[in-house]
C-alpha atoms as a PDB file:
ATOM      1  CA  UNK A   1      62.404  84.306  95.353  1.00  0.00           C
ATOM      2  CA  UNK A   2      61.716  85.625  91.844  1.00  0.00           C
ATOM      3  CA  UNK A   3      62.631  89.194  92.816  1.00  0.00           C
ATOM      4  CA  UNK A   4      65.769  87.928  94.472  1.00  0.00           C
ATOM      5  CA  UNK A   5      66.763  86.020  91.355  1.00  0.00           C
ATOM      6  CA  UNK A   6      66.206  89.118  89.202  1.00  0.00           C
ATOM      7  CA  UNK A   7      68.318  91.210  91.562  1.00  0.00           C
ATOM      8  CA  UNK A   8      71.114  88.666  91.465  1.00  0.00           C
ATOM      9  CA  UNK A   9      70.980  88.651  87.676  1.00  0.00           C
ATOM     10  CA  UNK A  10      71.495  92.429  87.631  1.00  0.00           C
ATOM     11  CA  UNK A  11      74.559  92.070  89.827  1.00  0.00           C
ATOM     12  CA  UNK A  12      75.985  89.367  87.598  1.00  0.00           C
ATOM     13  CA  UNK A  13      75.430  91.228  84.352  1.00  0.00           C
ATOM     14  CA  UNK A  14      76.491  94.760  85.319  1.00  0.00           C
ATOM     15  CA  UNK A  15      80.031  94.105  86.613  1.00  0.00           C
ATOM     16  CA  UNK A  16      80.910  91.899  83.635  1.00  0.00           C
ATOM     17  CA  UNK A  17      82.046  95.070  81.886  1.00  0.00           C
ATOM     18  CA  UNK A  18      84.479  95.850  84.689  1.00  0.00           C
ATOM     19  CA  UNK A  19      87.936  94.406  85.115  1.00  0.00           C
ATOM     20  CA  UNK A  20      86.988  91.068  86.607  1.00  0.00           C
ATOM     21  CA  UNK A  21      87.876  87.456  86.060  1.00  0.00           C
ATOM     22  CA  UNK A  22      84.627  86.154  87.514  1.00  0.00           C
ATOM     23  CA  UNK A  23      80.947  86.873  87.003  1.00  0.00           C
ATOM     24  CA  UNK A  24      81.229  89.546  89.671  1.00  0.00           C
ATOM     25  CA  UNK A  25      84.021  91.981  90.414  1.00  0.00           C
ATOM     26  CA  UNK A  26      86.801  90.703  92.677  1.00  0.00           C
ATOM     27  CA  UNK A  27      88.417  94.145  92.941  1.00  0.00           C
ATOM     28  CA  UNK A  28      88.676  94.664  96.698  1.00  0.00           C
ATOM     29  CA  UNK A  29      90.009  97.194  99.180  1.00  0.00           C
ATOM     30  CA  UNK A  30      88.129 100.335 100.187  1.00  0.00           C
ATOM     31  CA  UNK A  31      91.114 102.530  99.327  1.00  0.00           C
ATOM     32  CA  UNK A  32      91.001 101.502  95.669  1.00  0.00           C
ATOM     33  CA  UNK A  33      87.211 101.556  95.540  1.00  0.00           C
ATOM     34  CA  UNK A  34      87.123 105.114  96.857  1.00  0.00           C
ATOM     35  CA  UNK A  35      89.283 106.004  93.824  1.00  0.00           C
ATOM     36  CA  UNK A  36      86.880 104.413  91.341  1.00  0.00           C
ATOM     37  CA  UNK A  37      88.662 101.039  91.402  1.00  0.00           C
ATOM     38  CA  UNK A  38      91.430 102.659  89.346  1.00  0.00           C
ATOM     39  CA  UNK A  39      94.027 100.390  90.933  1.00  0.00           C
ATOM     40  CA  UNK A  40      96.380  99.198  88.173  1.00  0.00           C
ATOM     41  CA  UNK A  41      99.071 101.630  89.427  1.00  0.00           C
ATOM     42  CA  UNK A  42      98.123 101.528  93.099  1.00  0.00           C
ATOM     43  CA  UNK A  43     100.397  99.028  94.862  1.00  0.00           C
ATOM     44  CA  UNK A  44      99.110  98.134  98.319  1.00  0.00           C
ATOM     45  CA  UNK A  45      98.042  95.179 100.454  1.00  0.00           C
ATOM     46  CA  UNK A  46      95.076  94.496  98.130  1.00  0.00           C
ATOM     47  CA  UNK A  47      97.218  94.099  95.002  1.00  0.00           C
ATOM     48  CA  UNK A  48      96.526  90.349  95.022  1.00  0.00           C
ATOM     49  CA  UNK A  49      92.922  91.071  93.991  1.00  0.00           C
ATOM     50  CA  UNK A  50      93.688  94.150  91.872  1.00  0.00           C
ATOM     51  CA  UNK A  51      97.037  94.115  90.050  1.00  0.00           C
ATOM     52  CA  UNK A  52      99.442  91.383  91.242  1.00  0.00           C
ATOM     53  CA  UNK A  53     102.295  93.500  89.921  1.00  0.00           C
ATOM     54  CA  UNK A  54     101.901  95.646  93.037  1.00  0.00           C
ATOM     55  CA  UNK A  55     102.702  92.808  95.441  1.00  0.00           C
ATOM     56  CA  UNK A  56     106.428  93.570  95.365  1.00  0.00           C
ATOM     57  CA  UNK A  57     105.813  96.932  97.076  1.00  0.00           C
ATOM     58  CA  UNK A  58     104.359  95.332 100.224  1.00  0.00           C
ATOM     59  CA  UNK A  59     106.814  95.316 103.122  1.00  0.00           C
ATOM     60  CA  UNK A  60     106.847  93.099 106.193  1.00  0.00           C
ATOM     61  CA  UNK A  61     103.913  90.787 106.934  1.00  0.00           C
ATOM     62  CA  UNK A  62     100.272  91.121 107.840  1.00  0.00           C
ATOM     63  CA  UNK A  63      96.653  90.492 106.910  1.00  0.00           C
ATOM     64  CA  UNK A  64      93.661  92.399 105.566  1.00  0.00           C
ATOM     65  CA  UNK A  65      89.919  91.927 105.361  1.00  0.00           C
ATOM     66  CA  UNK A  66      87.133  93.708 103.453  1.00  0.00           C
ATOM     67  CA  UNK A  67      83.344  93.613 103.285  1.00  0.00           C
ATOM     68  CA  UNK A  68      81.248  95.067 100.457  1.00  0.00           C
ATOM     69  CA  UNK A  69      77.465  95.504 100.663  1.00  0.00           C
ATOM     70  CA  UNK A  70      74.796  96.705  98.226  1.00  0.00           C
ATOM     71  CA  UNK A  71      71.611  97.250 100.295  1.00  0.00           C
ATOM     72  CA  UNK A  72      69.290  97.297  97.257  1.00  0.00           C
ATOM     73  CA  UNK A  73      70.360  93.780  96.259  1.00  0.00           C
ATOM     74  CA  UNK A  74      70.120  91.331  99.169  1.00  0.00           C
ATOM     75  CA  UNK A  75      72.370  88.338  98.702  1.00  0.00           C
ATOM     76  CA  UNK A  76      74.957  90.259  96.674  1.00  0.00           C
ATOM     77  CA  UNK A  77      77.448  90.865  99.477  1.00  0.00           C
ATOM     78  CA  UNK A  78      81.152  90.402  98.724  1.00  0.00           C
ATOM     79  CA  UNK A  79      83.875  89.699 101.248  1.00  0.00           C
ATOM     80  CA  UNK A  80      87.577  88.942 101.063  1.00  0.00           C
ATOM     81  CA  UNK A  81      90.649  88.376 103.200  1.00  0.00           C
ATOM     82  CA  UNK A  82      94.358  88.276 102.361  1.00  0.00           C
ATOM     83  CA  UNK A  83      97.618  87.486 104.137  1.00  0.00           C
ATOM     84  CA  UNK A  84     101.034  88.603 102.939  1.00  0.00           C
ATOM     85  CA  UNK A  85     104.689  88.195 103.835  1.00  0.00           C
ATOM     86  CA  UNK A  86     108.013  89.153 102.330  1.00  0.00           C
ATOM     87  CA  UNK A  87     109.556  85.982 100.949  1.00  0.00           C
ATOM     88  CA  UNK A  88     113.062  85.706  99.504  1.00  0.00           C
ATOM     89  CA  UNK A  89     113.418  88.755  97.223  1.00  0.00           C
ATOM     90  CA  UNK A  90     109.702  89.370  96.746  1.00  0.00           C
ATOM     91  CA  UNK A  91     106.318  89.191  98.470  1.00  0.00           C
ATOM     92  CA  UNK A  92     104.027  86.176  98.754  1.00  0.00           C
ATOM     93  CA  UNK A  93     100.290  86.668  99.253  1.00  0.00           C
ATOM     94  CA  UNK A  94      97.266  84.375  99.576  1.00  0.00           C
ATOM     95  CA  UNK A  95      93.586  85.192  99.863  1.00  0.00           C
ATOM     96  CA  UNK A  96      89.962  84.131  99.786  1.00  0.00           C
ATOM     97  CA  UNK A  97      86.912  85.788  98.220  1.00  0.00           C
ATOM     98  CA  UNK A  98      83.198  85.052  98.440  1.00  0.00           C
ATOM     99  CA  UNK A  99      80.129  86.464  96.721  1.00  0.00           C
ATOM    100  CA  UNK A 100      76.437  85.577  97.043  1.00  0.00           C
ATOM    101  CA  UNK A 101      74.245  83.447  99.273  1.00  0.00           C
ATOM    102  CA  UNK A 102      72.687  79.959  99.284  1.00  0.00           C
ATOM    103  CA  UNK A 103      70.871  80.597  95.978  1.00  0.00           C
ATOM    104  CA  UNK A 104      74.016  81.494  94.037  1.00  0.00           C
ATOM    105  CA  UNK A 105      77.557  82.044  95.212  1.00  0.00           C
ATOM    106  CA  UNK A 106      81.150  82.196  94.036  1.00  0.00           C
ATOM    107  CA  UNK A 107      84.262  81.326  96.045  1.00  0.00           C
ATOM    108  CA  UNK A 108      87.845  82.072  95.070  1.00  0.00           C
ATOM    109  CA  UNK A 109      91.082  80.801  96.547  1.00  0.00           C
ATOM    110  CA  UNK A 110      94.042  82.738  95.197  1.00  0.00           C
ATOM    111  CA  UNK A 111      97.796  82.903  95.686  1.00  0.00           C
ATOM    112  CA  UNK A 112     100.324  85.237  94.088  1.00  0.00           C
ATOM    113  CA  UNK A 113     103.931  86.347  94.139  1.00  0.00           C
ATOM    114  CA  UNK A 114     105.512  89.653  93.149  1.00  0.00           C
ATOM    115  CA  UNK A 115     109.122  90.713  92.715  1.00  0.00           C
ATOM    116  CA  UNK A 116     110.932  93.903  91.789  1.00  0.00           C
ATOM    117  CA  UNK A 117     113.324  94.234  88.858  1.00  0.00           C
ATOM    118  CA  UNK A 118     114.973  97.643  88.781  1.00  0.00           C
ATOM    119  CA  UNK A 119     112.288 100.262  88.161  1.00  0.00           C
ATOM    120  CA  UNK A 120     109.577  97.675  87.489  1.00  0.00           C
ATOM    121  CA  UNK A 121     107.694  95.179  89.651  1.00  0.00           C
ATOM    122  CA  UNK A 122     106.096  92.064  88.185  1.00  0.00           C
ATOM    123  CA  UNK A 123     103.613  89.632  89.690  1.00  0.00           C
ATOM    124  CA  UNK A 124     101.471  86.605  88.917  1.00  0.00           C
ATOM    125  CA  UNK A 125      98.634  84.783  90.638  1.00  0.00           C
ATOM    126  CA  UNK A 126      96.606  81.583  90.338  1.00  0.00           C
ATOM    127  CA  UNK A 127      92.883  81.425  91.158  1.00  0.00           C
ATOM    128  CA  UNK A 128      90.781  78.399  92.029  1.00  0.00           C
ATOM    129  CA  UNK A 129      87.217  79.565  91.310  1.00  0.00           C
ATOM    130  CA  UNK A 130      84.121  77.648  92.391  1.00  0.00           C
ATOM    131  CA  UNK A 131      80.580  78.420  91.198  1.00  0.00           C
ATOM    132  CA  UNK A 132      77.537  77.131  93.114  1.00  0.00           C
ATOM    133  CA  UNK A 133      73.975  77.562  91.836  1.00  0.00           C
ATOM    134  CA  UNK A 134      70.932  76.001  93.466  1.00  0.00           C
ATOM    135  CA  UNK A 135      69.595  73.301  91.173  1.00  0.00           C
ATOM    136  CA  UNK A 136      72.630  73.433  88.852  1.00  0.00           C
ATOM    137  CA  UNK A 137      75.376  72.012  91.054  1.00  0.00           C
ATOM    138  CA  UNK A 138      78.972  73.134  91.460  1.00  0.00           C
ATOM    139  CA  UNK A 139      81.683  73.866  88.919  1.00  0.00           C
ATOM    140  CA  UNK A 140      85.322  74.789  89.437  1.00  0.00           C
ATOM    141  CA  UNK A 141      88.001  76.265  87.178  1.00  0.00           C
ATOM    142  CA  UNK A 142      91.596  77.446  87.529  1.00  0.00           C
ATOM    143  CA  UNK A 143      92.682  80.778  86.053  1.00  0.00           C
ATOM    144  CA  UNK A 144      96.041  82.562  85.750  1.00  0.00           C
ATOM    145  CA  UNK A 145      96.715  86.315  85.771  1.00  0.00           C
ATOM    146  CA  UNK A 146      99.816  88.505  85.339  1.00  0.00           C
ATOM    147  CA  UNK A 147     100.577  92.162  86.067  1.00  0.00           C
ATOM    148  CA  UNK A 148     103.280  94.786  86.351  1.00  0.00           C
ATOM    149  CA  UNK A 149     103.978  98.352  87.473  1.00  0.00           C
ATOM    150  CA  UNK A 150     106.858 100.509  86.201  1.00  0.00           C
ATOM    151  CA  UNK A 151     108.182 103.856  87.462  1.00  0.00           C
ATOM    152  CA  UNK A 152     108.843 106.109  84.477  1.00  0.00           C
ATOM    153  CA  UNK A 153     109.874 108.930  86.832  1.00  0.00           C
ATOM    154  CA  UNK A 154     109.499 109.432  90.598  1.00  0.00           C
ATOM    155  CA  UNK A 155     106.204 111.184  89.847  1.00  0.00           C
ATOM    156  CA  UNK A 156     104.789 108.953  87.094  1.00  0.00           C
ATOM    157  CA  UNK A 157     103.910 105.263  87.153  1.00  0.00           C
ATOM    158  CA  UNK A 158     102.331 103.028  84.527  1.00  0.00           C
ATOM    159  CA  UNK A 159     100.706  99.685  85.205  1.00  0.00           C
ATOM    160  CA  UNK A 160      98.970  96.872  83.379  1.00  0.00           C
ATOM    161  CA  UNK A 161      97.596  93.432  84.086  1.00  0.00           C
ATOM    162  CA  UNK A 162      95.974  90.589  82.166  1.00  0.00           C
ATOM    163  CA  UNK A 163      93.251  88.521  83.798  1.00  0.00           C
ATOM    164  CA  UNK A 164      92.451  84.954  82.721  1.00  0.00           C
ATOM    165  CA  UNK A 165      95.330  84.437  80.335  1.00  0.00           C
ATOM    166  CA  UNK A 166      94.412  80.747  79.991  1.00  0.00           C
ATOM    167  CA  UNK A 167      90.639  81.356  79.449  1.00  0.00           C
ATOM    168  CA  UNK A 168      89.439  78.253  81.353  1.00  0.00           C
ATOM    169  CA  UNK A 169      86.253  76.508  80.227  1.00  0.00           C
ATOM    170  CA  UNK A 170      83.331  77.042  82.608  1.00  0.00           C
ATOM    171  CA  UNK A 171      80.760  74.997  80.668  1.00  0.00           C
ATOM    172  CA  UNK A 172      81.624  72.249  78.191  1.00  0.00           C
ATOM    173  CA  UNK A 173      78.019  72.229  76.939  1.00  0.00           C
ATOM    174  CA  UNK A 174      78.488  75.449  74.955  1.00  0.00           C
ATOM    175  CA  UNK A 175      82.271  75.884  75.367  1.00  0.00           C
ATOM    176  CA  UNK A 176      81.721  78.896  77.635  1.00  0.00           C
ATOM    177  CA  UNK A 177      85.019  80.341  78.878  1.00  0.00           C
ATOM    178  CA  UNK A 178      86.013  82.945  81.389  1.00  0.00           C
ATOM    179  CA  UNK A 179      86.857  86.128  79.459  1.00  0.00           C
ATOM    180  CA  UNK A 180      90.291  87.636  79.164  1.00  0.00           C
ATOM    181  CA  UNK A 181      90.404  91.197  80.525  1.00  0.00           C
ATOM    182  CA  UNK A 182      93.170  93.690  79.739  1.00  0.00           C
ATOM    183  CA  UNK A 183      93.763  96.703  82.001  1.00  0.00           C
ATOM    184  CA  UNK A 184      96.276  99.540  81.597  1.00  0.00           C
ATOM    185  CA  UNK A 185      96.648 102.750  83.567  1.00  0.00           C
ATOM    186  CA  UNK A 186      98.793 105.626  84.763  1.00  0.00           C
ATOM    187  CA  UNK A 187      99.348 107.345  88.106  1.00  0.00           C
ATOM    188  CA  UNK A 188     100.687 110.856  88.619  1.00  0.00           C
ATOM    189  CA  UNK A 189     102.131 111.632  92.062  1.00  0.00           C
ATOM    190  CA  UNK A 190     103.066 115.350  92.268  1.00  0.00           C
ATOM    191  CA  UNK A 191     103.984 115.017  95.960  1.00  0.00           C
ATOM    192  CA  UNK A 192     103.394 112.724  98.937  1.00  0.00           C
ATOM    193  CA  UNK A 193      99.957 114.199  99.619  1.00  0.00           C
ATOM    194  CA  UNK A 194      98.365 113.660  96.194  1.00  0.00           C
ATOM    195  CA  UNK A 195      97.819 110.749  93.783  1.00  0.00           C
ATOM    196  CA  UNK A 196      95.830 110.980  90.535  1.00  0.00           C
ATOM    197  CA  UNK A 197      95.066 107.768  88.628  1.00  0.00           C
ATOM    198  CA  UNK A 198      93.403 106.850  85.323  1.00  0.00           C
ATOM    199  CA  UNK A 199      92.966 103.533  83.548  1.00  0.00           C
ATOM    200  CA  UNK A 200      90.988 101.613  80.967  1.00  0.00           C
ATOM    201  CA  UNK A 201      89.793  98.015  81.325  1.00  0.00           C
ATOM    202  CA  UNK A 202      88.763  96.022  78.255  1.00  0.00           C
ATOM    203  CA  UNK A 203      86.928  92.727  78.312  1.00  0.00           C
ATOM    204  CA  UNK A 204      87.396  91.234  74.848  1.00  0.00           C
ATOM    205  CA  UNK A 205      83.606  90.822  74.534  1.00  0.00           C
ATOM    206  CA  UNK A 206      82.508  94.248  75.836  1.00  0.00           C
ATOM    207  CA  UNK A 207      83.160  97.951  75.474  1.00  0.00           C
ATOM    208  CA  UNK A 208      86.030  99.360  77.566  1.00  0.00           C
ATOM    209  CA  UNK A 209      85.422 100.761  81.036  1.00  0.00           C
ATOM    210  CA  UNK A 210      87.149 104.083  81.780  1.00  0.00           C
ATOM    211  CA  UNK A 211      88.172 104.847  85.359  1.00  0.00           C
ATOM    212  CA  UNK A 212      89.774 107.735  87.220  1.00  0.00           C
ATOM    213  CA  UNK A 213      90.501 108.493  90.848  1.00  0.00           C
ATOM    214  CA  UNK A 214      92.228 110.875  93.216  1.00  0.00           C
ATOM    215  CA  UNK A 215      93.589 110.575  96.730  1.00  0.00           C
ATOM    216  CA  UNK A 216      94.465 113.590  98.875  1.00  0.00           C
ATOM    217  CA  UNK A 217      96.215 113.437 102.251  1.00  0.00           C
ATOM    218  CA  UNK A 218      95.786 116.718 104.142  1.00  0.00           C
ATOM    219  CA  UNK A 219      97.348 114.968 107.118  1.00  0.00           C
ATOM    220  CA  UNK A 220      99.867 112.136 107.187  1.00  0.00           C
ATOM    221  CA  UNK A 221      97.377 109.697 108.717  1.00  0.00           C
ATOM    222  CA  UNK A 222      94.140 110.837 107.017  1.00  0.00           C
ATOM    223  CA  UNK A 223      93.150 110.431 103.353  1.00  0.00           C
ATOM    224  CA  UNK A 224      90.184 111.593 101.278  1.00  0.00           C
ATOM    225  CA  UNK A 225      89.348 109.975  97.935  1.00  0.00           C
ATOM    226  CA  UNK A 226      87.048 110.300  94.962  1.00  0.00           C
ATOM    227  CA  UNK A 227      86.638 108.730  91.530  1.00  0.00           C
ATOM    228  CA  UNK A 228      84.323 107.868  88.665  1.00  0.00           C
ATOM    229  CA  UNK A 229      83.706 105.190  86.029  1.00  0.00           C
ATOM    230  CA  UNK A 230      82.293 105.434  82.517  1.00  0.00           C
ATOM    231  CA  UNK A 231      80.568 102.450  80.823  1.00  0.00           C
ATOM    232  CA  UNK A 232      79.005 101.688  83.233  1.00  0.00           C
ATOM    233  CA  UNK A 233      78.752 105.044  84.996  1.00  0.00           C
ATOM    234  CA  UNK A 234      79.408 105.270  88.722  1.00  0.00           C
ATOM    235  CA  UNK A 235      80.680 107.799  91.263  1.00  0.00           C
ATOM    236  CA  UNK A 236      82.909 106.977  94.240  1.00  0.00           C
ATOM    237  CA  UNK A 237      83.955 108.624  97.499  1.00  0.00           C
ATOM    238  CA  UNK A 238      86.170 107.415 100.330  1.00  0.00           C
ATOM    239  CA  UNK A 239      88.086 108.181 103.489  1.00  0.00           C
ATOM    240  CA  UNK A 240      90.919 106.414 105.265  1.00  0.00           C
ATOM    241  CA  UNK A 241      92.888 106.444 108.488  1.00  0.00           C
ATOM    242  CA  UNK A 242      96.404 105.023 108.875  1.00  0.00           C
ATOM    243  CA  UNK A 243      98.495 104.359 111.954  1.00  0.00           C
ATOM    244  CA  UNK A 244     101.812 102.561 112.232  1.00  0.00           C
ATOM    245  CA  UNK A 245     100.264  99.090 112.052  1.00  0.00           C
ATOM    246  CA  UNK A 246      96.552  99.546 111.331  1.00  0.00           C
ATOM    247  CA  UNK A 247      94.774 100.964 108.266  1.00  0.00           C
ATOM    248  CA  UNK A 248      90.991 101.445 108.128  1.00  0.00           C
ATOM    249  CA  UNK A 249      89.285 102.575 104.911  1.00  0.00           C
ATOM    250  CA  UNK A 250      85.683 103.233 103.869  1.00  0.00           C
ATOM    251  CA  UNK A 251      84.285 103.742 100.366  1.00  0.00           C
ATOM    252  CA  UNK A 252      80.881 104.661  98.949  1.00  0.00           C
ATOM    253  CA  UNK A 253      79.818 103.908  95.371  1.00  0.00           C
ATOM    254  CA  UNK A 254      76.721 105.210  93.618  1.00  0.00           C
ATOM    255  CA  UNK A 255      75.575 103.595  90.367  1.00  0.00           C
ATOM    256  CA  UNK A 256      72.256 104.265  88.616  1.00  0.00           C
ATOM    257  CA  UNK A 257      71.322 100.584  88.265  1.00  0.00           C
ATOM    258  CA  UNK A 258      72.474  99.222  91.633  1.00  0.00           C
ATOM    259  CA  UNK A 259      72.108 102.307  93.817  1.00  0.00           C
ATOM    260  CA  UNK A 260      74.573 102.782  96.661  1.00  0.00           C
ATOM    261  CA  UNK A 261      77.259 100.325  97.666  1.00  0.00           C
ATOM    262  CA  UNK A 262      79.412 100.439 100.785  1.00  0.00           C
ATOM    263  CA  UNK A 263      82.785  98.855 101.438  1.00  0.00           C
ATOM    264  CA  UNK A 264      84.945  98.860 104.542  1.00  0.00           C
ATOM    265  CA  UNK A 265      88.389  97.302 104.822  1.00  0.00           C
ATOM    266  CA  UNK A 266      91.067  96.948 107.473  1.00  0.00           C
ATOM    267  CA  UNK A 267      94.760  96.110 107.203  1.00  0.00           C
ATOM    268  CA  UNK A 268      97.087  95.068 109.998  1.00  0.00           C
ATOM    269  CA  UNK A 269     100.768  94.898 109.141  1.00  0.00           C
ATOM    270  CA  UNK A 270     104.110  94.409 110.849  1.00  0.00           C
ATOM    271  CA  UNK A 271     106.868  96.304 109.071  1.00  0.00           C
ATOM    272  CA  UNK A 272     110.490  95.286 109.139  1.00  0.00           C
ATOM    273  CA  UNK A 273     112.765  97.854 110.744  1.00  0.00           C
END
């Protein structure tokens, strides 16, 4: 039990530097993870958990699920599911996220909406976050996040999002609040087969995390990805397969402290003709 508690503490402390609203990272989707979680300019079905500004780019309706596992740290698994549908002039999305086990866990219910305005897309989401710790009870907070993506040219995009704008109080005993995290990035798309991304995420209480990623599509339905992070350092690799309605992605992360981490995700969508 002691070793398990120490392992859980490592998981909780390490990702705090990353772009997260919770104690652990809620960035999900194996496509983005394979690119080093450099997702601020990567609009896709996982934008609800990454940058809500990307929601407006989702077409049709569908659902997605993801599972993330770190073998060296039992009890640190993360899982998420989202559903999305075009609504009025934008896209509505809702999702759930869970981290941990019976000793300590976090649950998130989230809903967001994104719309497009000319060359820019804007989005917002609301999170209901619940913390459960054995012997300490349960606490819940509500947080709000905003994001946007703009096309400077057909080949260049910039994106940014702000997590926990309202900084909700987690503990009234010491006035502990969820941190505000600012993320900004750029994507260069020379052609349909290549995407290069870079971004910086800054928690107001920690040093910035630098991220970069690349996706290459040698075939229309097959993608290969790679990326890296600095502060903390990590390397990422990924592969994906896409058909008309189904997308399956896998990503591998290697970090010195946590070792290897695997994530697999699947998306099923129905596009409007």
